[in-house]
Amino acid sequence: MFEITDFIGIVTFAMSGFFVASRAKLDMLGALVATFLTALGGGIIRDISVGRTPYTFEYNYPTIIVMSIFVFMIIFKIHRRPSIENKTLFILSDSLGLISFSISGALVAIESKLNLPAVVIMSFITAVGGGIVRDVIINEVPFVLKTGFYGTISIFIGTILYFLDTYELIDMYTITLIFISFFILRMVAYYKKWAIPLR
């Protein structure tokens, strides 16, 4: 299940990272860096945090996936389309990446026998870590700090998976249910413009 969720996260976050780079009008190198950071940055931070060699450094397929998507986007001139970040494809890819990486981050933490706060933190970092680094590099306020019901999804997922593991209830069915449920929640939150109030 870890590999499946990580694969989905890499694919979808590579796409959303490219969209953000297009909106920021980065050049080819800048877009490539932004795409890599969004797709792989969170996973690298996660793996280093739990004391393991980053998954990206052990296998070739994450890099191949990111490069393939990058080339595909360039060939079809996605970067020349106006307001791409508000398009349905961006919203879908970003939401799928958020949920996939939240799940894979929590699963790695659970496998490492970490406690509840650590599982939640790993879920959060895996999902938004790469995006935060990307936004800082392009001199923007990180997206997760502006959208109240974005990082919250990761916190919920990490918490739920921790307690499911406590009762040995983590399997393909429960993870699939979590994936679908939180994808629907994220889409509803986006279109309803839900946010955590400042006060």
Protein backbone atom coordinates (compact mmCIF):
# COMPACT_ATOMS: atom_id res chain seq x y z
CA MET A 1 0.00 0.00 0.00
CA PHE A 2 2.91 2.35 0.68
CA GLU A 3 4.23 1.97 -2.87
CA ILE A 4 0.79 2.49 -4.40
CA THR A 5 0.07 5.68 -2.45
CA ASP A 6 3.60 6.97 -3.02
CA PHE A 7 3.28 6.33 -6.76
CA ILE A 8 -0.01 8.23 -6.95
CA GLY A 9 1.47 11.06 -4.88
CA ILE A 10 4.54 11.40 -7.11
CA VAL A 11 2.49 11.50 -10.31
CA THR A 12 -0.10 13.98 -9.10
CA PHE A 13 2.27 16.27 -7.19
CA ALA A 14 4.64 16.41 -10.17
CA MET A 15 1.73 17.77 -12.18
CA SER A 16 0.67 20.30 -9.54
CA GLY A 17 4.29 21.40 -9.05
CA PHE A 18 4.56 22.09 -12.77
CA PHE A 19 1.33 24.10 -12.68
CA VAL A 20 2.66 26.26 -9.84
CA ALA A 21 5.92 26.80 -11.75
CA SER A 22 3.90 27.87 -14.81
CA ARG A 23 1.91 30.37 -12.77
CA ALA A 24 5.14 31.78 -11.32
CA LYS A 25 6.53 32.09 -14.88
CA LEU A 26 9.70 30.17 -14.08
CA ASP A 27 12.14 29.23 -16.82
CA MET A 28 12.82 25.62 -17.83
CA LEU A 29 15.29 24.95 -15.01
CA GLY A 30 13.10 26.63 -12.43
CA ALA A 31 10.08 24.62 -13.53
CA LEU A 32 12.08 21.40 -13.34
CA VAL A 33 13.29 22.20 -9.81
CA ALA A 34 9.77 23.13 -8.69
CA THR A 35 8.37 19.92 -10.15
CA PHE A 36 11.00 17.75 -8.46
CA LEU A 37 10.62 19.48 -5.10
CA THR A 38 6.85 19.17 -5.08
CA ALA A 39 6.85 15.51 -6.12
CA LEU A 40 9.83 14.21 -4.13
CA GLY A 41 10.77 16.76 -1.48
CA GLY A 42 8.28 15.69 1.17
CA GLY A 43 9.21 12.01 0.83
CA ILE A 44 12.92 12.81 1.17
CA ILE A 45 12.32 14.83 4.34
CA ARG A 46 10.13 12.02 5.71
CA ASP A 47 12.68 9.27 5.09
CA ILE A 48 15.59 11.27 6.52
CA SER A 49 13.48 12.06 9.61
CA VAL A 50 12.92 8.36 10.35
CA GLY A 51 16.57 7.47 9.68
CA ARG A 52 16.25 5.62 6.40
CA THR A 53 17.74 6.15 2.96
CA PRO A 54 15.25 8.25 0.97
CA TYR A 55 13.09 6.06 -1.23
CA THR A 56 13.84 8.38 -4.15
CA PHE A 57 17.58 7.66 -3.85
CA GLU A 58 17.14 3.88 -3.86
CA TYR A 59 14.88 3.45 -6.88
CA ASN A 60 14.93 5.00 -10.34
CA TYR A 61 11.20 5.10 -10.98
CA PRO A 62 10.39 8.27 -8.98
CA THR A 63 12.85 10.30 -11.04
CA ILE A 64 11.69 8.68 -14.28
CA ILE A 65 8.06 9.50 -13.45
CA VAL A 66 8.81 13.14 -12.67
CA MET A 67 10.91 13.60 -15.81
CA SER A 68 8.27 11.92 -17.98
CA ILE A 69 5.52 14.16 -16.66
CA PHE A 70 7.72 17.24 -17.04
CA VAL A 71 8.50 16.42 -20.67
CA PHE A 72 4.83 15.60 -21.34
CA MET A 73 3.73 18.98 -19.96
CA ILE A 74 6.33 20.81 -22.04
CA ILE A 75 5.45 18.96 -25.25
CA PHE A 76 1.76 19.78 -24.89
CA LYS A 77 2.60 23.37 -23.88
CA ILE A 78 0.62 23.19 -20.64
CA HIS A 79 2.78 26.02 -19.29
CA ARG A 80 1.37 28.47 -21.86
CA ARG A 81 -2.22 28.13 -20.74
CA PRO A 82 -3.57 31.04 -18.64
CA SER A 83 -4.78 30.63 -15.07
CA ILE A 84 -3.75 26.96 -15.04
CA GLU A 85 -3.70 26.82 -11.24
CA ASN A 86 -7.46 27.34 -11.07
CA LYS A 87 -8.25 24.64 -13.58
CA THR A 88 -9.89 21.36 -12.61
CA LEU A 89 -6.78 19.33 -13.49
CA PHE A 90 -4.66 21.25 -11.00
CA ILE A 91 -7.23 20.94 -8.23
CA LEU A 92 -7.63 17.20 -8.82
CA SER A 93 -3.89 16.48 -9.04
CA ASP A 94 -3.07 18.56 -5.97
CA SER A 95 -5.83 16.93 -3.90
CA LEU A 96 -4.84 13.41 -4.95
CA GLY A 97 -1.18 14.15 -4.16
CA LEU A 98 -2.06 15.59 -0.76
CA ILE A 99 -4.05 12.54 0.29
CA SER A 100 -1.66 9.97 -1.19
CA PHE A 101 1.41 11.44 0.49
CA SER A 102 -0.44 11.91 3.77
CA ILE A 103 -1.21 8.19 3.78
CA SER A 104 2.30 7.10 2.75
CA GLY A 105 3.89 9.39 5.35
CA ALA A 106 1.72 7.96 8.11
CA LEU A 107 2.43 4.39 6.98
CA VAL A 108 6.21 4.95 7.10
CA ALA A 109 5.93 6.41 10.60
CA ILE A 110 3.75 3.52 11.77
CA GLU A 111 6.20 1.02 10.29
CA SER A 112 8.97 2.79 12.23
CA LYS A 113 6.94 2.33 15.47
CA LEU A 114 6.61 6.06 16.12
CA ASN A 115 4.06 7.56 18.50
CA LEU A 116 0.90 9.50 17.60
CA PRO A 117 2.44 13.00 17.31
CA ALA A 118 5.25 11.63 15.15
CA VAL A 119 2.81 9.80 12.85
CA VAL A 120 0.80 12.99 12.41
CA ILE A 121 3.95 15.04 11.77
CA MET A 122 5.28 12.55 9.22
CA SER A 123 1.92 12.52 7.46
CA PHE A 124 1.93 16.31 7.34
CA ILE A 125 5.58 16.69 6.29
CA THR A 126 5.33 14.11 3.51
CA ALA A 127 2.26 15.82 2.07
CA VAL A 128 3.30 19.47 2.31
CA GLY A 129 7.07 19.48 2.91
CA GLY A 130 8.05 19.60 -0.75
CA GLY A 131 5.47 22.28 -1.50
CA ILE A 132 6.70 24.44 1.37
CA VAL A 133 10.31 24.26 0.14
CA ARG A 134 9.13 25.03 -3.41
CA ASP A 135 7.11 28.07 -2.33
CA VAL A 136 9.95 29.43 -0.20
CA ILE A 137 12.35 29.12 -3.13
CA ILE A 138 10.01 31.02 -5.47
CA ASN A 139 9.46 33.65 -2.74
CA GLU A 140 5.82 32.91 -1.94
CA VAL A 141 3.97 32.31 1.30
CA PRO A 142 3.62 28.49 1.45
CA PHE A 143 0.24 27.38 0.12
CA VAL A 144 -0.44 25.28 3.20
CA LEU A 145 -0.25 28.38 5.40
CA LYS A 146 -2.88 30.20 3.35
CA THR A 147 -5.43 27.43 2.91
CA GLY A 148 -6.78 26.37 6.27
CA PHE A 149 -8.35 23.09 5.22
CA TYR A 150 -5.32 21.79 3.33
CA GLY A 151 -2.77 20.65 5.89
CA THR A 152 -5.64 19.76 8.21
CA ILE A 153 -6.42 16.83 5.91
CA SER A 154 -2.97 15.36 6.62
CA ILE A 155 -3.45 15.72 10.37
CA PHE A 156 -6.77 13.88 10.23
CA ILE A 157 -5.36 11.09 8.06
CA GLY A 158 -2.31 10.57 10.28
CA THR A 159 -4.46 10.43 13.41
CA ILE A 160 -6.96 7.98 11.95
CA LEU A 161 -4.27 5.65 10.59
CA TYR A 162 -2.47 5.61 13.94
CA PHE A 163 -5.59 4.43 15.76
CA LEU A 164 -6.48 1.97 13.03
CA ASP A 165 -3.02 0.46 13.43
CA THR A 166 -3.53 0.27 17.19
CA TYR A 167 -6.46 -2.07 16.58
CA GLU A 168 -4.74 -3.81 13.63
CA LEU A 169 -7.33 -2.54 11.17
CA ILE A 170 -5.03 -1.22 8.45
CA ASP A 171 -5.54 -3.06 5.17
CA MET A 172 -6.30 -2.28 1.54
CA TYR A 173 -9.98 -1.72 2.25
CA THR A 174 -9.60 0.74 5.11
CA ILE A 175 -6.90 2.70 3.26
CA THR A 176 -9.06 2.83 0.13
CA LEU A 177 -11.98 4.08 2.22
CA ILE A 178 -9.78 6.76 3.80
CA PHE A 179 -8.48 7.78 0.39
CA ILE A 180 -11.93 8.17 -1.15
CA SER A 181 -13.47 9.83 1.93
CA PHE A 182 -10.76 12.45 2.29
CA PHE A 183 -10.63 13.12 -1.43
CA ILE A 184 -14.33 13.95 -1.33
CA LEU A 185 -13.79 16.05 1.82
CA ARG A 186 -10.92 17.97 0.19
CA MET A 187 -12.96 18.70 -2.94
CA VAL A 188 -15.96 19.85 -0.93
CA ALA A 189 -13.71 22.01 1.27
CA TYR A 190 -12.13 23.59 -1.81
CA TYR A 191 -15.35 24.46 -3.59
CA LYS A 192 -17.12 25.53 -0.39
CA LYS A 193 -14.01 27.54 0.55
CA TRP A 194 -13.85 26.04 4.02
CA ALA A 195 -11.06 27.34 6.21
CA ILE A 196 -9.95 27.28 9.82
CA PRO A 197 -10.96 30.65 11.29
CA LEU A 198 -8.19 32.96 12.52
CA ARG A 199 -10.15 33.57 15.71
